[in-house]
Amino acid sequence: MTGSIILNDIISPLGSFHKKTPIRIKECIMQLKNYNQEDPLICETTKSLLDTLRFTSKHIQDPETPGYIKALLI
């Protein structure tokens, strides 16, 4: 899922985080954040996936990116 979001962000002119994207990005981020929080190994893996989204996305800092999406990735 993370790889698909990043690939779409690079390919799409508006990116994956724009308001009009067909990707339900908020739900994707929430799935990653809430996935199996009890297991420390899985928790660390999902944290690294969220960091990957935050640091390798091309359009995350665009002004058109909603603030709540940026806040979810912090």
N, C-alpha and C. Protein backbone atom coordinates (compact mmCIF):
# COMPACT_ATOMS: atom_id res chain seq x y z
N MET A 1 0.83 -1.18 0.00
CA MET A 1 0.00 0.00 0.00
C MET A 1 0.88 1.25 0.00
N THR A 2 1.89 1.27 0.83
CA THR A 2 2.78 2.43 0.90
C THR A 2 3.48 2.67 -0.43
N GLY A 3 3.96 1.61 -1.04
CA GLY A 3 4.62 1.73 -2.34
C GLY A 3 3.68 2.25 -3.41
N SER A 4 2.44 1.80 -3.39
CA SER A 4 1.46 2.26 -4.37
C SER A 4 1.16 3.74 -4.20
N ILE A 5 1.07 4.19 -2.96
CA ILE A 5 0.81 5.61 -2.70
C ILE A 5 1.97 6.46 -3.20
N ILE A 6 3.19 6.02 -2.94
CA ILE A 6 4.37 6.77 -3.37
C ILE A 6 4.47 6.78 -4.89
N LEU A 7 4.23 5.63 -5.52
CA LEU A 7 4.29 5.56 -6.98
C LEU A 7 3.25 6.49 -7.60
N ASN A 8 2.02 6.46 -7.10
CA ASN A 8 0.98 7.35 -7.61
C ASN A 8 1.35 8.81 -7.37
N ASP A 9 1.97 9.09 -6.26
CA ASP A 9 2.36 10.46 -5.94
C ASP A 9 3.38 10.98 -6.95
N ILE A 10 4.25 10.11 -7.42
CA ILE A 10 5.26 10.51 -8.40
C ILE A 10 4.66 10.63 -9.79
N ILE A 11 3.78 9.71 -10.16
CA ILE A 11 3.22 9.67 -11.51
C ILE A 11 2.12 10.71 -11.73
N SER A 12 1.25 10.87 -10.76
CA SER A 12 0.10 11.78 -10.90
C SER A 12 0.54 13.23 -10.82
N PRO A 13 0.04 14.08 -11.72
CA PRO A 13 0.42 15.50 -11.66
C PRO A 13 0.00 16.19 -10.36
N LEU A 14 -1.11 15.76 -9.77
CA LEU A 14 -1.58 16.37 -8.52
C LEU A 14 -1.06 15.64 -7.29
N GLY A 15 -0.56 14.44 -7.47
CA GLY A 15 -0.04 13.67 -6.35
C GLY A 15 -1.10 12.86 -5.63
N SER A 16 -0.70 12.12 -4.62
CA SER A 16 -1.60 11.25 -3.86
C SER A 16 -2.30 11.97 -2.74
N PHE A 17 -1.88 13.17 -2.40
CA PHE A 17 -2.39 13.84 -1.21
C PHE A 17 -3.32 15.00 -1.52
N HIS A 18 -3.59 15.24 -2.78
CA HIS A 18 -4.47 16.32 -3.19
C HIS A 18 -5.91 15.99 -2.80
N LYS A 19 -6.73 17.01 -2.58
CA LYS A 19 -8.12 16.80 -2.18
C LYS A 19 -8.91 15.96 -3.18
N LYS A 20 -8.58 16.07 -4.45
CA LYS A 20 -9.36 15.39 -5.49
C LYS A 20 -8.76 14.06 -5.93
N THR A 21 -7.83 13.54 -5.18
CA THR A 21 -7.23 12.25 -5.54
C THR A 21 -8.25 11.13 -5.35
N PRO A 22 -8.22 10.12 -6.20
CA PRO A 22 -9.14 8.99 -6.02
C PRO A 22 -8.74 8.07 -4.86
N ILE A 23 -7.55 8.27 -4.32
CA ILE A 23 -7.07 7.45 -3.21
C ILE A 23 -7.66 7.98 -1.91
N ARG A 24 -8.17 7.08 -1.11
CA ARG A 24 -8.66 7.48 0.22
C ARG A 24 -7.47 7.47 1.17
N ILE A 25 -6.67 8.52 1.05
CA ILE A 25 -5.38 8.57 1.73
C ILE A 25 -5.52 8.57 3.25
N LYS A 26 -6.54 9.24 3.76
CA LYS A 26 -6.73 9.28 5.21
C LYS A 26 -6.96 7.88 5.75
N GLU A 27 -7.79 7.10 5.06
CA GLU A 27 -8.06 5.72 5.49
C GLU A 27 -6.80 4.86 5.41
N CYS A 28 -6.00 5.06 4.37
CA CYS A 28 -4.76 4.29 4.23
C CYS A 28 -3.80 4.59 5.38
N ILE A 29 -3.65 5.86 5.71
CA ILE A 29 -2.75 6.24 6.79
C ILE A 29 -3.26 5.70 8.12
N MET A 30 -4.57 5.78 8.34
CA MET A 30 -5.15 5.28 9.59
C MET A 30 -4.98 3.76 9.70
N GLN A 31 -5.10 3.04 8.58
CA GLN A 31 -4.87 1.60 8.59
C GLN A 31 -3.44 1.29 9.03
N LEU A 32 -2.49 2.03 8.50
CA LEU A 32 -1.10 1.81 8.89
C LEU A 32 -0.87 2.16 10.36
N LYS A 33 -1.45 3.26 10.81
CA LYS A 33 -1.24 3.68 12.20
C LYS A 33 -1.85 2.71 13.20
N ASN A 34 -2.98 2.13 12.86
CA ASN A 34 -3.71 1.29 13.81
C ASN A 34 -3.43 -0.20 13.66
N TYR A 35 -2.58 -0.59 12.74
CA TYR A 35 -2.34 -2.01 12.48
C TYR A 35 -1.52 -2.64 13.59
N ASN A 36 -2.11 -3.57 14.31
CA ASN A 36 -1.44 -4.43 15.29
C ASN A 36 -0.46 -3.68 16.18
N GLN A 37 -0.96 -2.81 17.01
CA GLN A 37 -0.13 -2.00 17.90
C GLN A 37 0.49 -2.78 19.05
N GLU A 38 0.00 -4.01 19.30
CA GLU A 38 0.50 -4.78 20.45
C GLU A 38 1.89 -5.38 20.20
N ASP A 39 2.16 -5.77 18.97
CA ASP A 39 3.43 -6.41 18.65
C ASP A 39 4.49 -5.34 18.36
N PRO A 40 5.55 -5.26 19.16
CA PRO A 40 6.56 -4.20 18.98
C PRO A 40 7.26 -4.26 17.62
N LEU A 41 7.50 -5.45 17.10
CA LEU A 41 8.17 -5.58 15.81
C LEU A 41 7.30 -5.03 14.69
N ILE A 42 6.03 -5.39 14.69
CA ILE A 42 5.10 -4.89 13.67
C ILE A 42 4.89 -3.40 13.84
N CYS A 43 4.83 -2.94 15.06
CA CYS A 43 4.65 -1.51 15.34
C CYS A 43 5.83 -0.71 14.76
N GLU A 44 7.03 -1.22 14.91
CA GLU A 44 8.22 -0.55 14.36
C GLU A 44 8.20 -0.57 12.84
N THR A 45 7.73 -1.66 12.25
CA THR A 45 7.64 -1.76 10.80
C THR A 45 6.63 -0.76 10.25
N THR A 46 5.47 -0.66 10.88
CA THR A 46 4.47 0.29 10.39
C THR A 46 4.95 1.73 10.58
N LYS A 47 5.72 1.98 11.63
CA LYS A 47 6.29 3.32 11.83
C LYS A 47 7.26 3.65 10.69
N SER A 48 8.03 2.68 10.27
CA SER A 48 8.97 2.93 9.17
C SER A 48 8.22 3.14 7.85
N LEU A 49 7.08 2.47 7.68
CA LEU A 49 6.27 2.70 6.47
C LEU A 49 5.68 4.11 6.46
N LEU A 50 5.23 4.57 7.61
CA LEU A 50 4.72 5.94 7.70
C LEU A 50 5.83 6.96 7.47
N ASP A 51 7.03 6.68 7.99
CA ASP A 51 8.17 7.56 7.74
C ASP A 51 8.53 7.58 6.26
N THR A 52 8.42 6.44 5.61
CA THR A 52 8.68 6.37 4.18
C THR A 52 7.71 7.26 3.43
N LEU A 53 6.43 7.21 3.79
CA LEU A 53 5.44 8.10 3.17
C LEU A 53 5.80 9.56 3.40
N ARG A 54 6.18 9.88 4.60
CA ARG A 54 6.46 11.27 4.95
C ARG A 54 7.68 11.82 4.21
N PHE A 55 8.74 11.02 4.11
CA PHE A 55 10.00 11.55 3.59
C PHE A 55 10.24 11.31 2.11
N THR A 56 9.49 10.41 1.46
CA THR A 56 9.74 10.16 0.04
C THR A 56 8.62 10.64 -0.86
N SER A 57 7.58 11.22 -0.29
CA SER A 57 6.47 11.72 -1.10
C SER A 57 6.84 13.05 -1.73
N LYS A 58 6.52 13.16 -3.00
CA LYS A 58 6.86 14.35 -3.77
C LYS A 58 5.93 15.53 -3.46
N HIS A 59 4.65 15.24 -3.21
CA HIS A 59 3.64 16.30 -3.10
C HIS A 59 3.13 16.54 -1.68
N ILE A 60 3.74 15.95 -0.68
CA ILE A 60 3.21 16.09 0.69
C ILE A 60 3.29 17.53 1.19
N GLN A 61 4.27 18.29 0.74
CA GLN A 61 4.42 19.68 1.20
C GLN A 61 3.72 20.69 0.30
N ASP A 62 2.97 20.22 -0.70
CA ASP A 62 2.23 21.13 -1.57
C ASP A 62 1.18 21.89 -0.78
N PRO A 63 0.88 23.13 -1.16
CA PRO A 63 -0.14 23.90 -0.46
C PRO A 63 -1.54 23.29 -0.58
N GLU A 64 -1.77 22.49 -1.62
CA GLU A 64 -3.08 21.87 -1.83
C GLU A 64 -3.30 20.66 -0.93
N THR A 65 -2.25 20.18 -0.28
CA THR A 65 -2.39 19.04 0.62
C THR A 65 -3.12 19.49 1.88
N PRO A 66 -4.23 18.82 2.22
CA PRO A 66 -4.97 19.21 3.43
C PRO A 66 -4.11 19.08 4.69
N GLY A 67 -4.32 19.98 5.62
CA GLY A 67 -3.55 20.00 6.85
C GLY A 67 -3.72 18.75 7.69
N TYR A 68 -4.93 18.16 7.65
CA TYR A 68 -5.15 16.96 8.46
C TYR A 68 -4.33 15.77 7.95
N ILE A 69 -4.03 15.75 6.66
CA ILE A 69 -3.18 14.68 6.12
C ILE A 69 -1.75 14.87 6.62
N LYS A 70 -1.26 16.09 6.57
CA LYS A 70 0.09 16.37 7.08
C LYS A 70 0.18 16.03 8.57
N ALA A 71 -0.87 16.36 9.31
CA ALA A 71 -0.88 16.09 10.75
C ALA A 71 -0.88 14.60 11.04
N LEU A 72 -1.53 13.80 10.20
CA LEU A 72 -1.56 12.36 10.41
C LEU A 72 -0.18 11.73 10.25
N LEU A 73 0.64 12.32 9.42
CA LEU A 73 1.97 11.75 9.16
C LEU A 73 3.03 12.23 10.14
N ILE A 74 2.70 13.13 11.02
CA ILE A 74 3.67 13.61 12.02
C ILE A 74 3.76 12.62 13.15
